Amino acid sequence: MTDLQLIDALRNYLWRRRYVIVLDDIWNVNAWETIKYAFPDCNCGSRIIFTTRLSNLAESIENTSHVYELQALPENEAWTLFCMKAFRGEHKAVSNNN
């Protein structure tokens, strides 16, 4: 299946449906420009969420309604969160210190 066939198939599937799409870690506008036609805007309340580390990229994407700049968690909080999710709350049994 070619890229265009895949885009067309996805567009046909999503037509007149309400959807949420998450595109994680976008690094350039060309990635969005390639696939944006796969997501029809049928006024059904659908949303597309992008994540990127590049604020200028987020602002350059057309029809962007909100750009949220998030700060990284401190290392100890990030480790605790990771352990809670990965080990079901048993983060005390695991240490990130070598």
Protein backbone atom coordinates (compact mmCIF):
# COMPACT_ATOMS: atom_id res chain seq x y z
CA MET A 1 0.00 0.00 0.00
CA THR A 2 1.41 3.40 -0.94
CA ASP A 3 1.40 6.41 1.38
CA LEU A 4 -1.42 7.99 -0.63
CA GLN A 5 -3.50 4.82 -0.47
CA LEU A 6 -2.99 4.62 3.28
CA ILE A 7 -3.97 8.27 3.74
CA ASP A 8 -7.07 7.73 1.60
CA ALA A 9 -8.06 4.59 3.51
CA LEU A 10 -7.67 6.33 6.86
CA ARG A 11 -9.61 9.37 5.66
CA ASN A 12 -12.47 7.17 4.44
CA TYR A 13 -12.52 5.30 7.75
CA LEU A 14 -12.59 8.49 9.83
CA TRP A 15 -15.14 10.31 7.66
CA ARG A 16 -18.15 11.41 9.74
CA ARG A 17 -16.64 9.91 12.90
CA ARG A 18 -15.46 11.61 16.04
CA TYR A 19 -11.82 10.81 16.78
CA VAL A 20 -8.81 11.79 18.86
CA ILE A 21 -5.40 11.37 17.25
CA VAL A 22 -2.14 11.74 19.20
CA LEU A 23 1.01 12.37 17.18
CA ASP A 24 3.94 12.04 19.53
CA ASP A 25 7.35 13.67 19.15
CA ILE A 26 6.93 15.49 15.83
CA TRP A 27 10.28 16.91 14.68
CA ASN A 28 9.39 18.73 11.48
CA VAL A 29 6.45 20.27 9.66
CA ASN A 30 6.91 17.92 6.71
CA ALA A 31 5.76 14.99 8.83
CA TRP A 32 2.47 16.78 9.45
CA GLU A 33 2.20 18.03 5.87
CA THR A 34 2.45 14.43 4.67
CA ILE A 35 -0.39 13.01 6.77
CA LYS A 36 -2.73 15.91 7.55
CA TYR A 37 -5.04 15.02 4.67
CA ALA A 38 -5.84 11.71 6.35
CA PHE A 39 -7.81 13.51 9.06
CA PRO A 40 -11.11 14.89 7.79
CA ASP A 41 -12.68 17.89 9.50
CA CYS A 42 -16.36 16.97 9.52
CA ASN A 43 -17.27 19.23 12.46
CA CYS A 44 -17.78 16.14 14.62
CA GLY A 45 -15.68 17.44 17.51
CA SER A 46 -12.54 15.53 16.59
CA ARG A 47 -9.16 16.56 17.97
CA ILE A 48 -5.54 16.08 17.00
CA ILE A 49 -2.88 16.39 19.69
CA PHE A 50 0.77 16.94 18.81
CA THR A 51 3.74 16.61 21.07
CA THR A 52 7.05 18.17 20.11
CA ARG A 53 10.09 19.57 21.84
CA LEU A 54 10.25 22.42 19.34
CA SER A 55 7.98 25.33 20.29
CA ASN A 56 8.48 27.06 16.93
CA LEU A 57 7.26 23.90 15.21
CA ALA A 58 4.11 23.79 17.33
CA GLU A 59 3.37 27.41 16.51
CA SER A 60 3.99 26.93 12.78
CA ILE A 61 1.39 24.20 12.29
CA GLU A 62 -1.73 25.70 10.77
CA ASN A 63 -4.99 25.69 12.73
CA THR A 64 -3.17 25.38 16.04
CA SER A 65 -5.53 26.52 18.74
CA HIS A 66 -3.38 26.02 21.83
CA VAL A 67 0.32 25.53 22.45
CA TYR A 68 1.21 24.37 25.95
CA GLU A 69 4.83 24.47 27.04
CA LEU A 70 5.49 21.86 29.69
CA GLN A 71 8.48 21.73 31.97
CA ALA A 72 10.28 18.49 32.70
CA LEU A 73 9.75 16.93 36.10
CA PRO A 74 12.67 16.97 38.52
CA GLU A 75 14.62 13.72 38.20
CA ASN A 76 13.42 12.24 41.49
CA GLU A 77 9.76 12.97 40.68
CA ALA A 78 10.16 11.54 37.17
CA TRP A 79 11.73 8.38 38.59
CA THR A 80 8.97 8.00 41.19
CA LEU A 81 6.28 8.45 38.54
CA PHE A 82 7.98 5.94 36.24
CA CYS A 83 8.29 3.36 39.01
CA MET A 84 4.71 3.85 40.14
CA LYS A 85 3.46 3.20 36.61
CA ALA A 86 5.95 0.49 35.67
CA PHE A 87 5.93 -1.40 38.97
CA ARG A 88 2.38 -0.64 40.15
CA GLY A 89 3.31 1.68 42.97
CA GLU A 90 6.20 -0.36 44.34
CA HIS A 91 8.75 2.36 43.68
CA LYS A 92 10.49 1.96 47.05
CA ALA A 93 11.80 -1.47 46.04
CA VAL A 94 13.62 -0.02 43.04
CA SER A 95 16.41 2.53 43.10
CA ASN A 96 17.80 4.64 40.29
CA ASN A 97 21.13 5.00 42.10
CA ASN A 98 23.90 2.68 40.93
